[in-house]
Amino acid sequence: MTKRGLPHPEHLRLGQVLSGMRSQLLREQGALQNAYPRTGPRAFPAKQLEVAIEAVDAARRALEDAVFEEYPAVAEVYDYFPYEEHRAEVVVPEKPGSSAGQVRFDGRTAR
């Protein structure tokens, strides 16, 4: 059986999430580049974030191709490359580590 792919609203949601993740990764990469040398072993984390950003971008481009193929009548470039006000926001807890009320990635509340 051939899989149908994502419903269009799910493409929209995923585009918001991926673009928000990319924005956050860029901010964190900039923070690392300002805090550590840009060459040598201490530059490795920032370079790895660059690899992650490129991977997110590649996924967004591939998914953009998919949404245009699956929903040609309603797909738009903004589905995977939304304006900033339509990007998901990464929420970071006030205190590092596991704290009561913190939401885990699977959506359940941590105890």
Protein backbone atom coordinates (compact mmCIF):
# COMPACT_ATOMS: atom_id res chain seq x y z
CA MET A 1 0.00 0.00 0.00
CA THR A 2 1.31 3.43 -0.94
CA LYS A 3 1.42 5.98 1.83
CA ARG A 4 -0.43 9.22 1.07
CA GLY A 5 1.85 11.66 2.84
CA LEU A 6 0.87 14.37 5.29
CA PRO A 7 -2.42 16.27 5.24
CA HIS A 8 -1.90 19.88 4.18
CA PRO A 9 -2.55 21.31 7.69
CA GLU A 10 0.19 19.02 9.03
CA HIS A 11 2.59 20.34 6.38
CA LEU A 12 1.77 23.85 7.61
CA ARG A 13 2.41 22.89 11.25
CA LEU A 14 5.64 21.11 10.40
CA GLY A 15 6.82 24.10 8.38
CA GLN A 16 6.25 26.34 11.40
CA VAL A 17 8.10 23.97 13.71
CA LEU A 18 11.09 23.44 11.42
CA SER A 19 11.47 27.14 10.68
CA GLY A 20 11.28 27.94 14.40
CA MET A 21 13.89 25.30 15.16
CA ARG A 22 16.17 26.75 12.48
CA SER A 23 15.84 30.25 13.92
CA GLN A 24 16.70 28.99 17.40
CA LEU A 25 19.67 26.99 16.11
CA LEU A 26 20.97 30.12 14.37
CA ARG A 27 20.70 32.14 17.61
CA GLU A 28 22.52 29.43 19.56
CA GLN A 29 25.20 29.13 16.91
CA GLY A 30 25.79 32.89 17.08
CA ALA A 31 26.06 32.71 20.87
CA LEU A 32 28.66 29.96 20.57
CA GLN A 33 30.61 31.84 17.91
CA ASN A 34 30.71 34.88 20.19
CA ALA A 35 31.81 32.83 23.21
CA TYR A 36 34.38 30.47 21.66
CA PRO A 37 37.07 30.61 18.98
CA ARG A 38 35.88 30.02 15.42
CA THR A 39 38.70 27.56 14.73
CA GLY A 40 40.20 24.66 16.62
CA PRO A 41 38.57 22.09 18.90
CA ARG A 42 36.46 24.62 20.80
CA ALA A 43 34.78 25.66 17.54
CA PHE A 44 33.35 22.15 17.03
CA PRO A 45 29.94 22.73 18.70
CA ALA A 46 29.17 25.80 16.57
CA LYS A 47 30.23 23.93 13.44
CA GLN A 48 27.96 21.03 14.38
CA LEU A 49 25.05 23.45 14.76
CA GLU A 50 25.82 24.65 11.23
CA VAL A 51 25.51 21.02 10.06
CA ALA A 52 22.17 20.75 11.90
CA ILE A 53 20.91 23.98 10.29
CA GLU A 54 21.86 22.66 6.86
CA ALA A 55 20.04 19.38 7.60
CA VAL A 56 16.89 21.25 8.67
CA ASP A 57 17.08 23.34 5.50
CA ALA A 58 17.45 20.22 3.34
CA ALA A 59 14.41 18.64 5.00
CA ARG A 60 12.38 21.84 4.49
CA ARG A 61 13.27 21.95 0.78
CA ALA A 62 12.36 18.27 0.31
CA LEU A 63 9.08 18.73 2.18
CA GLU A 64 8.32 21.85 0.16
CA ASP A 65 8.66 19.73 -3.00
CA ALA A 66 6.33 17.14 -1.43
CA VAL A 67 3.63 19.64 -0.46
CA PHE A 68 3.60 21.14 -3.96
CA GLU A 69 3.33 17.65 -5.46
CA GLU A 70 0.61 16.52 -3.03
CA TYR A 71 -1.44 19.75 -2.88
CA PRO A 72 -0.67 21.81 -6.01
CA ALA A 73 -3.87 23.86 -5.73
CA VAL A 74 -3.21 25.15 -2.20
CA ALA A 75 0.54 24.81 -1.53
CA GLU A 76 2.57 27.97 -1.11
CA VAL A 77 6.24 28.76 -0.55
CA TYR A 78 5.23 30.00 2.90
CA ASP A 79 4.21 26.48 3.94
CA TYR A 80 7.84 25.62 4.78
CA PHE A 81 9.38 29.07 4.68
CA PRO A 82 6.90 31.15 6.73
CA TYR A 83 7.33 34.74 7.80
CA GLU A 84 8.91 35.13 11.23
CA GLU A 85 5.61 35.82 12.99
CA HIS A 86 4.32 32.41 11.81
CA ARG A 87 7.31 30.37 13.01
CA ALA A 88 7.06 28.18 16.09
CA GLU A 89 8.84 29.49 19.15
CA VAL A 90 11.25 27.33 21.10
CA VAL A 91 10.37 27.55 24.80
CA VAL A 92 13.17 27.09 27.28
CA PRO A 93 12.45 26.54 31.00
CA GLU A 94 13.52 29.30 33.37
CA LYS A 95 15.75 26.91 35.30
CA PRO A 96 18.02 24.42 33.54
CA GLY A 97 17.38 20.72 34.05
CA SER A 98 14.25 18.83 34.92
CA SER A 99 11.80 20.86 36.95
CA ALA A 100 8.16 20.29 37.89
CA GLY A 101 5.77 21.44 35.19
CA GLN A 102 8.36 21.32 32.43
CA VAL A 103 6.90 19.96 29.19
CA ARG A 104 8.88 17.18 27.57
CA PHE A 105 9.29 16.79 23.82
CA ASP A 106 6.60 14.08 23.73
CA GLY A 107 4.06 16.58 25.10
CA ARG A 108 3.60 14.95 28.52
CA THR A 109 4.26 16.91 31.69
CA ALA A 110 7.47 15.91 33.47
CA ARG A 111 7.23 15.00 37.16
